[in-house]
Amino acid sequence: MPIAPTIDQRLAAARRPSGRFRVMTQRWEQLLFMHWALPPDAVQATLPPGLTVDTHGALAWLGVVPFFMRDVRPRFCPAVPGLSHFLELNLRTYVHDADGRPGVWFYSLDANQRLAVAVARKLFSLPYVRAAMQAERDDDGWIDLRSARPGDQEQRFRYRAADPLGPAAPGTLDHFLVERYLLFSHRPRDGALFVGQVHHAPYPLATAEVTSASRRLFRLNGFADPERFADHVVMAGGVSVDIYPLQRIR
């Protein structure tokens, strides 16, 4: 029987791992977290063996997250113009393994950097997809981010930060949704399950104003369109991130 995460396990995931060397560093900036509540059974049916949907308020949560990737580079290597800066848009949910370790499960991760897509698929078994993406930020702080997979319609997000909130308090919905430091990935050809870890300072959160937010990723990943605005929205400023190698857990 899977063990639900304790608050201690949720906090422990945020600690820098000891005795392990990071393989990459990067920055995540201008993150928009938009989440919809779903019945847990609807999400559990989409997960590979070994993972259990993580819930808050007896609900599962699907998140659409557009953001800027900056200074992406392997350890000991400098950032490279044209390769190290790109955009990402992902659809995610929250899960835990049989030992109660809480983390993120990605359904898809769209990015506009061909090499990054290939490396992430090969080395991290993550479902990255190449997409044409662009983003602008105006003098009033509005971010206009657009993404389109080949042959598919454009997705648009227009948002900006509003009132600062500071780091999320443990036990809150904000903390449950954004403070995630483990990711799980699955290799379909042999059923292998992996866990990876990242480390960064707690997100500096803010409320968000959103005037455009596509839900297209739901249908692209086999979910019905929720046909409503997100149930929870928050924005996060930039954090510097250390990436650690995957470990096979099954």
C-alpha atoms as a PDB file:
ATOM      1  CA  MET A   1       0.000   0.000   0.000  1.00  0.00           C
ATOM      2  CA  PRO A   2       1.553   3.353  -1.036  1.00  0.00           C
ATOM      3  CA  ILE A   3       2.460   5.687   1.803  1.00  0.00           C
ATOM      4  CA  ALA A   4       1.120   9.251   1.544  1.00  0.00           C
ATOM      5  CA  PRO A   5       3.830  11.904   2.016  1.00  0.00           C
ATOM      6  CA  THR A   6       4.264  13.395   5.464  1.00  0.00           C
ATOM      7  CA  ILE A   7       4.999  17.083   5.963  1.00  0.00           C
ATOM      8  CA  ASP A   8       8.563  16.077   6.910  1.00  0.00           C
ATOM      9  CA  GLN A   9       8.982  14.295   3.563  1.00  0.00           C
ATOM     10  CA  ARG A  10       7.670  17.330   1.707  1.00  0.00           C
ATOM     11  CA  LEU A  11      10.172  19.575   3.468  1.00  0.00           C
ATOM     12  CA  ALA A  12      13.053  17.101   3.142  1.00  0.00           C
ATOM     13  CA  ALA A  13      12.727  17.072  -0.657  1.00  0.00           C
ATOM     14  CA  ALA A  14      13.758  20.731  -0.699  1.00  0.00           C
ATOM     15  CA  ARG A  15      17.100  20.099   0.987  1.00  0.00           C
ATOM     16  CA  ARG A  16      20.240  19.988  -1.118  1.00  0.00           C
ATOM     17  CA  PRO A  17      21.260  16.329  -1.536  1.00  0.00           C
ATOM     18  CA  SER A  18      24.494  15.442   0.226  1.00  0.00           C
ATOM     19  CA  GLY A  19      27.252  13.430  -1.412  1.00  0.00           C
ATOM     20  CA  ARG A  20      25.919  13.964  -4.944  1.00  0.00           C
ATOM     21  CA  PHE A  21      27.238  16.150  -7.740  1.00  0.00           C
ATOM     22  CA  ARG A  22      24.952  18.317  -9.826  1.00  0.00           C
ATOM     23  CA  VAL A  23      25.016  17.651 -13.546  1.00  0.00           C
ATOM     24  CA  MET A  24      23.481  20.930 -14.742  1.00  0.00           C
ATOM     25  CA  THR A  25      22.634  24.439 -13.633  1.00  0.00           C
ATOM     26  CA  GLN A  26      19.944  26.759 -15.005  1.00  0.00           C
ATOM     27  CA  ARG A  27      17.587  29.589 -14.113  1.00  0.00           C
ATOM     28  CA  TRP A  28      13.803  29.481 -14.214  1.00  0.00           C
ATOM     29  CA  GLU A  29      12.163  32.893 -14.625  1.00  0.00           C
ATOM     30  CA  GLN A  30       8.698  34.435 -14.952  1.00  0.00           C
ATOM     31  CA  LEU A  31       6.831  31.238 -14.092  1.00  0.00           C
ATOM     32  CA  LEU A  32       3.051  31.231 -14.308  1.00  0.00           C
ATOM     33  CA  PHE A  33       1.449  28.375 -12.355  1.00  0.00           C
ATOM     34  CA  MET A  34      -2.150  27.691 -13.378  1.00  0.00           C
ATOM     35  CA  HIS A  35      -3.848  24.701 -11.747  1.00  0.00           C
ATOM     36  CA  TRP A  36      -7.157  22.920 -12.152  1.00  0.00           C
ATOM     37  CA  ALA A  37      -8.661  20.541  -9.573  1.00  0.00           C
ATOM     38  CA  LEU A  38      -9.653  17.079 -10.843  1.00  0.00           C
ATOM     39  CA  PRO A  39     -10.982  13.866  -9.313  1.00  0.00           C
ATOM     40  CA  PRO A  40      -7.995  11.761  -8.188  1.00  0.00           C
ATOM     41  CA  ASP A  41      -9.207   8.663 -10.053  1.00  0.00           C
ATOM     42  CA  ALA A  42      -9.122  10.543 -13.370  1.00  0.00           C
ATOM     43  CA  VAL A  43      -5.450  11.352 -12.861  1.00  0.00           C
ATOM     44  CA  GLN A  44      -4.414   8.034 -11.316  1.00  0.00           C
ATOM     45  CA  ALA A  45      -5.565   6.222 -14.458  1.00  0.00           C
ATOM     46  CA  THR A  46      -2.911   8.089 -16.479  1.00  0.00           C
ATOM     47  CA  LEU A  47       0.086   7.262 -14.255  1.00  0.00           C
ATOM     48  CA  PRO A  48       2.611   4.435 -14.703  1.00  0.00           C
ATOM     49  CA  PRO A  49       2.866   1.601 -12.140  1.00  0.00           C
ATOM     50  CA  GLY A  50       4.773   2.698  -9.056  1.00  0.00           C
ATOM     51  CA  LEU A  51       3.321   6.205  -8.798  1.00  0.00           C
ATOM     52  CA  THR A  52       0.262   7.396  -6.882  1.00  0.00           C
ATOM     53  CA  VAL A  53      -1.531  10.684  -7.395  1.00  0.00           C
ATOM     54  CA  ASP A  54      -0.743  13.209  -4.650  1.00  0.00           C
ATOM     55  CA  THR A  55      -3.774  15.119  -3.384  1.00  0.00           C
ATOM     56  CA  HIS A  56      -4.584  18.302  -1.503  1.00  0.00           C
ATOM     57  CA  GLY A  57      -8.111  18.782  -0.191  1.00  0.00           C
ATOM     58  CA  ALA A  58      -8.940  15.285  -1.514  1.00  0.00           C
ATOM     59  CA  LEU A  59      -8.356  16.561  -5.059  1.00  0.00           C
ATOM     60  CA  ALA A  60      -5.740  15.956  -7.730  1.00  0.00           C
ATOM     61  CA  TRP A  61      -4.287  18.969  -9.542  1.00  0.00           C
ATOM     62  CA  LEU A  62      -3.211  19.473 -13.153  1.00  0.00           C
ATOM     63  CA  GLY A  63      -0.947  22.426 -13.843  1.00  0.00           C
ATOM     64  CA  VAL A  64      -0.106  24.394 -16.977  1.00  0.00           C
ATOM     65  CA  VAL A  65       3.197  26.212 -16.492  1.00  0.00           C
ATOM     66  CA  PRO A  66       4.810  28.552 -19.063  1.00  0.00           C
ATOM     67  CA  PHE A  67       8.189  30.084 -18.189  1.00  0.00           C
ATOM     68  CA  PHE A  68      11.633  31.195 -19.344  1.00  0.00           C
ATOM     69  CA  MET A  69      14.666  28.886 -19.165  1.00  0.00           C
ATOM     70  CA  ARG A  70      17.918  30.810 -18.856  1.00  0.00           C
ATOM     71  CA  ASP A  71      21.627  29.921 -18.565  1.00  0.00           C
ATOM     72  CA  VAL A  72      20.990  26.212 -19.093  1.00  0.00           C
ATOM     73  CA  ARG A  73      24.371  24.492 -19.093  1.00  0.00           C
ATOM     74  CA  PRO A  74      26.182  21.357 -18.000  1.00  0.00           C
ATOM     75  CA  ARG A  75      28.303  21.571 -14.878  1.00  0.00           C
ATOM     76  CA  PHE A  76      31.625  23.386 -15.464  1.00  0.00           C
ATOM     77  CA  CYS A  77      30.499  24.702 -18.873  1.00  0.00           C
ATOM     78  CA  PRO A  78      29.570  28.281 -19.733  1.00  0.00           C
ATOM     79  CA  ALA A  79      26.188  29.316 -21.083  1.00  0.00           C
ATOM     80  CA  VAL A  80      26.080  29.395 -24.901  1.00  0.00           C
ATOM     81  CA  PRO A  81      24.025  32.049 -26.745  1.00  0.00           C
ATOM     82  CA  GLY A  82      21.359  30.394 -28.869  1.00  0.00           C
ATOM     83  CA  LEU A  83      21.464  27.178 -26.848  1.00  0.00           C
ATOM     84  CA  SER A  84      21.211  28.109 -23.184  1.00  0.00           C
ATOM     85  CA  HIS A  85      18.157  30.391 -23.285  1.00  0.00           C
ATOM     86  CA  PHE A  86      14.743  29.166 -24.406  1.00  0.00           C
ATOM     87  CA  LEU A  87      11.084  28.898 -23.419  1.00  0.00           C
ATOM     88  CA  GLU A  88       9.142  26.039 -21.866  1.00  0.00           C
ATOM     89  CA  LEU A  89       5.478  25.164 -21.441  1.00  0.00           C
ATOM     90  CA  ASN A  90       4.521  22.052 -19.505  1.00  0.00           C
ATOM     91  CA  LEU A  91       1.501  20.097 -18.313  1.00  0.00           C
ATOM     92  CA  ARG A  92       2.080  18.398 -14.971  1.00  0.00           C
ATOM     93  CA  THR A  93       0.490  16.704 -12.017  1.00  0.00           C
ATOM     94  CA  TYR A  94       1.727  15.736  -8.564  1.00  0.00           C
ATOM     95  CA  VAL A  95       2.532  12.240  -7.409  1.00  0.00           C
ATOM     96  CA  HIS A  96       4.405  10.206  -4.835  1.00  0.00           C
ATOM     97  CA  ASP A  97       6.171   6.863  -4.952  1.00  0.00           C
ATOM     98  CA  ALA A  98       5.611   3.813  -2.752  1.00  0.00           C
ATOM     99  CA  ASP A  99       7.854   5.300  -0.051  1.00  0.00           C
ATOM    100  CA  GLY A 100       5.925   8.560   0.099  1.00  0.00           C
ATOM    101  CA  ARG A 101       8.430  10.739  -1.741  1.00  0.00           C
ATOM    102  CA  PRO A 102       6.467  13.616  -3.327  1.00  0.00           C
ATOM    103  CA  GLY A 103       7.271  14.924  -6.785  1.00  0.00           C
ATOM    104  CA  VAL A 104       6.133  16.036 -10.223  1.00  0.00           C
ATOM    105  CA  TRP A 105       4.892  13.939 -13.122  1.00  0.00           C
ATOM    106  CA  PHE A 106       5.126  15.643 -16.513  1.00  0.00           C
ATOM    107  CA  TYR A 107       2.715  14.764 -19.308  1.00  0.00           C
ATOM    108  CA  SER A 108       4.507  16.992 -21.796  1.00  0.00           C
ATOM    109  CA  LEU A 109       7.146  19.709 -21.889  1.00  0.00           C
ATOM    110  CA  ASP A 110       7.186  21.938 -24.964  1.00  0.00           C
ATOM    111  CA  ALA A 111      10.387  23.862 -25.691  1.00  0.00           C
ATOM    112  CA  ASN A 112      11.815  25.849 -28.589  1.00  0.00           C
ATOM    113  CA  GLN A 113      15.373  24.546 -28.381  1.00  0.00           C
ATOM    114  CA  ARG A 114      16.038  21.439 -30.484  1.00  0.00           C
ATOM    115  CA  LEU A 115      19.148  20.283 -28.611  1.00  0.00           C
ATOM    116  CA  ALA A 116      17.511  20.709 -25.201  1.00  0.00           C
ATOM    117  CA  VAL A 117      14.549  18.615 -26.336  1.00  0.00           C
ATOM    118  CA  ALA A 118      16.817  15.823 -27.589  1.00  0.00           C
ATOM    119  CA  VAL A 119      19.041  15.793 -24.487  1.00  0.00           C
ATOM    120  CA  ALA A 120      16.118  15.818 -22.050  1.00  0.00           C
ATOM    121  CA  ARG A 121      14.398  12.957 -23.858  1.00  0.00           C
ATOM    122  CA  LYS A 122      17.594  10.898 -24.022  1.00  0.00           C
ATOM    123  CA  LEU A 123      19.175  11.536 -20.607  1.00  0.00           C
ATOM    124  CA  PHE A 124      16.149  12.207 -18.414  1.00  0.00           C
ATOM    125  CA  SER A 125      13.409  10.162 -20.162  1.00  0.00           C
ATOM    126  CA  LEU A 126      11.177  13.244 -20.121  1.00  0.00           C
ATOM    127  CA  PRO A 127       8.431  13.797 -22.752  1.00  0.00           C
ATOM    128  CA  TYR A 128       9.831  16.975 -24.295  1.00  0.00           C
ATOM    129  CA  VAL A 129       8.264  18.211 -27.542  1.00  0.00           C
ATOM    130  CA  ARG A 130       9.750  20.704 -30.000  1.00  0.00           C
ATOM    131  CA  ALA A 131       7.523  23.746 -30.521  1.00  0.00           C
ATOM    132  CA  ALA A 132       7.780  27.188 -32.085  1.00  0.00           C
ATOM    133  CA  MET A 133       7.666  29.626 -29.179  1.00  0.00           C
ATOM    134  CA  GLN A 134       8.150  33.329 -28.645  1.00  0.00           C
ATOM    135  CA  ALA A 135       7.690  35.760 -25.759  1.00  0.00           C
ATOM    136  CA  GLU A 136       7.786  39.501 -25.220  1.00  0.00           C
ATOM    137  CA  ARG A 137       7.586  41.606 -22.076  1.00  0.00           C
ATOM    138  CA  ASP A 138       6.315  45.186 -22.257  1.00  0.00           C
ATOM    139  CA  ASP A 139       7.061  48.208 -20.093  1.00  0.00           C
ATOM    140  CA  ASP A 140       4.066  47.450 -17.841  1.00  0.00           C
ATOM    141  CA  GLY A 141       5.355  43.975 -17.021  1.00  0.00           C
ATOM    142  CA  TRP A 142       2.921  42.065 -19.227  1.00  0.00           C
ATOM    143  CA  ILE A 143       4.392  38.864 -20.668  1.00  0.00           C
ATOM    144  CA  ASP A 144       2.951  37.606 -23.949  1.00  0.00           C
ATOM    145  CA  LEU A 145       4.090  34.025 -24.541  1.00  0.00           C
ATOM    146  CA  ARG A 146       2.986  31.980 -27.556  1.00  0.00           C
ATOM    147  CA  SER A 147       3.625  28.360 -28.443  1.00  0.00           C
ATOM    148  CA  ALA A 148       2.654  26.115 -31.354  1.00  0.00           C
ATOM    149  CA  ARG A 149       3.619  22.533 -32.096  1.00  0.00           C
ATOM    150  CA  PRO A 150       4.130  21.673 -35.780  1.00  0.00           C
ATOM    151  CA  GLY A 151       0.740  21.469 -37.470  1.00  0.00           C
ATOM    152  CA  ASP A 152      -1.175  22.491 -34.333  1.00  0.00           C
ATOM    153  CA  GLN A 153      -2.913  25.684 -33.272  1.00  0.00           C
ATOM    154  CA  GLU A 154      -1.190  28.417 -31.309  1.00  0.00           C
ATOM    155  CA  GLN A 155      -1.395  28.566 -27.528  1.00  0.00           C
ATOM    156  CA  ARG A 156      -1.194  32.001 -25.942  1.00  0.00           C
ATOM    157  CA  PHE A 157      -0.533  33.199 -22.394  1.00  0.00           C
ATOM    158  CA  ARG A 158      -0.618  36.822 -21.326  1.00  0.00           C
ATOM    159  CA  TYR A 159       0.189  37.493 -17.708  1.00  0.00           C
ATOM    160  CA  ARG A 160       2.059  39.654 -15.227  1.00  0.00           C
ATOM    161  CA  ALA A 161       2.931  39.643 -11.536  1.00  0.00           C
ATOM    162  CA  ALA A 162       0.733  41.669  -9.195  1.00  0.00           C
ATOM    163  CA  ASP A 163       1.041  41.665  -5.399  1.00  0.00           C
ATOM    164  CA  PRO A 164       4.058  39.949  -3.784  1.00  0.00           C
ATOM    165  CA  LEU A 165       3.295  36.997  -1.514  1.00  0.00           C
ATOM    166  CA  GLY A 166       6.748  35.755  -0.518  1.00  0.00           C
ATOM    167  CA  PRO A 167       7.622  32.068  -0.103  1.00  0.00           C
ATOM    168  CA  ALA A 168       4.747  29.613   0.357  1.00  0.00           C
ATOM    169  CA  ALA A 169       4.068  28.401   3.890  1.00  0.00           C
ATOM    170  CA  PRO A 170       4.286  24.610   4.437  1.00  0.00           C
ATOM    171  CA  GLY A 171       0.883  22.959   4.485  1.00  0.00           C
ATOM    172  CA  THR A 172      -0.770  25.512   2.205  1.00  0.00           C
ATOM    173  CA  LEU A 173      -2.064  24.826  -1.282  1.00  0.00           C
ATOM    174  CA  ASP A 174       0.565  27.204  -2.675  1.00  0.00           C
ATOM    175  CA  HIS A 175       3.306  25.104  -1.087  1.00  0.00           C
ATOM    176  CA  PHE A 176       1.781  21.825  -2.282  1.00  0.00           C
ATOM    177  CA  LEU A 177       1.608  23.043  -5.880  1.00  0.00           C
ATOM    178  CA  VAL A 178       4.857  24.941  -6.372  1.00  0.00           C
ATOM    179  CA  GLU A 179       7.454  23.647  -3.916  1.00  0.00           C
ATOM    180  CA  ARG A 180       8.347  20.423  -5.740  1.00  0.00           C
ATOM    181  CA  TYR A 181      11.944  19.245  -5.906  1.00  0.00           C
ATOM    182  CA  LEU A 182      11.641  15.672  -7.177  1.00  0.00           C
ATOM    183  CA  LEU A 183      10.567  14.604 -10.636  1.00  0.00           C
ATOM    184  CA  PHE A 184       9.615  11.152 -11.802  1.00  0.00           C
ATOM    185  CA  SER A 185      10.077   9.812 -15.312  1.00  0.00           C
ATOM    186  CA  HIS A 186       9.214   6.559 -17.028  1.00  0.00           C
ATOM    187  CA  ARG A 187      10.916   4.640 -19.839  1.00  0.00           C
ATOM    188  CA  PRO A 188       8.122   2.864 -21.702  1.00  0.00           C
ATOM    189  CA  ARG A 189      10.293   0.355 -23.554  1.00  0.00           C
ATOM    190  CA  ASP A 190      11.225  -1.533 -20.377  1.00  0.00           C
ATOM    191  CA  GLY A 191       8.957   0.008 -17.720  1.00  0.00           C
ATOM    192  CA  ALA A 192      11.841   1.580 -15.795  1.00  0.00           C
ATOM    193  CA  LEU A 193      10.901   4.305 -13.318  1.00  0.00           C
ATOM    194  CA  PHE A 194      13.341   7.051 -12.348  1.00  0.00           C
ATOM    195  CA  VAL A 195      13.497   9.861  -9.823  1.00  0.00           C
ATOM    196  CA  GLY A 196      15.536  13.026 -10.217  1.00  0.00           C
ATOM    197  CA  GLN A 197      16.122  15.944  -7.882  1.00  0.00           C
ATOM    198  CA  VAL A 198      16.554  19.681  -8.283  1.00  0.00           C
ATOM    199  CA  HIS A 199      17.538  22.257  -5.712  1.00  0.00           C
ATOM    200  CA  HIS A 200      16.717  25.949  -5.551  1.00  0.00           C
ATOM    201  CA  ALA A 201      15.685  28.620  -3.069  1.00  0.00           C
ATOM    202  CA  PRO A 202      11.949  28.786  -2.268  1.00  0.00           C
ATOM    203  CA  TYR A 203       9.999  30.529  -4.995  1.00  0.00           C
ATOM    204  CA  PRO A 204       9.294  34.244  -4.419  1.00  0.00           C
ATOM    205  CA  LEU A 205       5.559  34.111  -5.176  1.00  0.00           C
ATOM    206  CA  ALA A 206       3.153  36.802  -6.292  1.00  0.00           C
ATOM    207  CA  THR A 207      -0.461  36.988  -7.308  1.00  0.00           C
ATOM    208  CA  ALA A 208      -0.932  37.130 -11.060  1.00  0.00           C
ATOM    209  CA  GLU A 209      -3.073  38.978 -13.551  1.00  0.00           C
ATOM    210  CA  VAL A 210      -3.933  36.784 -16.537  1.00  0.00           C
ATOM    211  CA  THR A 211      -5.825  37.953 -19.624  1.00  0.00           C
ATOM    212  CA  SER A 212      -5.140  34.978 -21.893  1.00  0.00           C
ATOM    213  CA  ALA A 213      -4.444  31.352 -20.970  1.00  0.00           C
ATOM    214  CA  SER A 214      -4.746  28.434 -23.356  1.00  0.00           C
ATOM    215  CA  ARG A 215      -6.037  25.049 -22.146  1.00  0.00           C
ATOM    216  CA  ARG A 216      -4.936  23.297 -25.330  1.00  0.00           C
ATOM    217  CA  LEU A 217      -2.402  21.120 -23.456  1.00  0.00           C
ATOM    218  CA  PHE A 218      -5.257  19.240 -21.790  1.00  0.00           C
ATOM    219  CA  ARG A 219      -6.543  17.848 -25.086  1.00  0.00           C
ATOM    220  CA  LEU A 220      -3.034  17.287 -26.447  1.00  0.00           C
ATOM    221  CA  ASN A 221      -2.392  14.989 -23.478  1.00  0.00           C
ATOM    222  CA  GLY A 222      -5.665  13.082 -23.508  1.00  0.00           C
ATOM    223  CA  PHE A 223      -7.642  15.105 -20.941  1.00  0.00           C
ATOM    224  CA  ALA A 224     -10.977  16.811 -21.495  1.00  0.00           C
ATOM    225  CA  ASP A 225     -10.925  20.590 -21.586  1.00  0.00           C
ATOM    226  CA  PRO A 226     -12.048  21.747 -18.103  1.00  0.00           C
ATOM    227  CA  GLU A 227     -13.898  24.612 -19.825  1.00  0.00           C
ATOM    228  CA  ARG A 228     -13.227  27.047 -16.999  1.00  0.00           C
ATOM    229  CA  PHE A 229     -10.524  29.395 -15.848  1.00  0.00           C
ATOM    230  CA  ALA A 230      -7.920  27.876 -13.530  1.00  0.00           C
ATOM    231  CA  ASP A 231      -8.908  27.111  -9.935  1.00  0.00           C
ATOM    232  CA  HIS A 232      -5.571  28.363  -8.617  1.00  0.00           C
ATOM    233  CA  VAL A 233      -3.164  30.881 -10.152  1.00  0.00           C
ATOM    234  CA  VAL A 234       0.132  32.181  -8.831  1.00  0.00           C
ATOM    235  CA  MET A 235       3.324  33.549 -10.332  1.00  0.00           C
ATOM    236  CA  ALA A 236       6.941  33.080  -9.308  1.00  0.00           C
ATOM    237  CA  GLY A 237      10.033  35.139  -9.901  1.00  0.00           C
ATOM    238  CA  GLY A 238      13.391  33.728 -10.894  1.00  0.00           C
ATOM    239  CA  VAL A 239      15.374  31.026  -9.097  1.00  0.00           C
ATOM    240  CA  SER A 240      18.775  29.491  -9.817  1.00  0.00           C
ATOM    241  CA  VAL A 241      18.471  25.713 -10.068  1.00  0.00           C
ATOM    242  CA  ASP A 242      20.898  22.828  -9.635  1.00  0.00           C
ATOM    243  CA  ILE A 243      20.000  19.591 -11.440  1.00  0.00           C
ATOM    244  CA  TYR A 244      21.076  16.181 -10.122  1.00  0.00           C
ATOM    245  CA  PRO A 245      21.267  12.887 -12.052  1.00  0.00           C
ATOM    246  CA  LEU A 246      18.383  10.449 -12.277  1.00  0.00           C
ATOM    247  CA  GLN A 247      18.268   7.373 -10.076  1.00  0.00           C
ATOM    248  CA  ARG A 248      16.395   4.247 -11.111  1.00  0.00           C
ATOM    249  CA  ILE A 249      13.841   3.165  -8.524  1.00  0.00           C
ATOM    250  CA  ARG A 250      12.168   0.323 -10.415  1.00  0.00           C
END
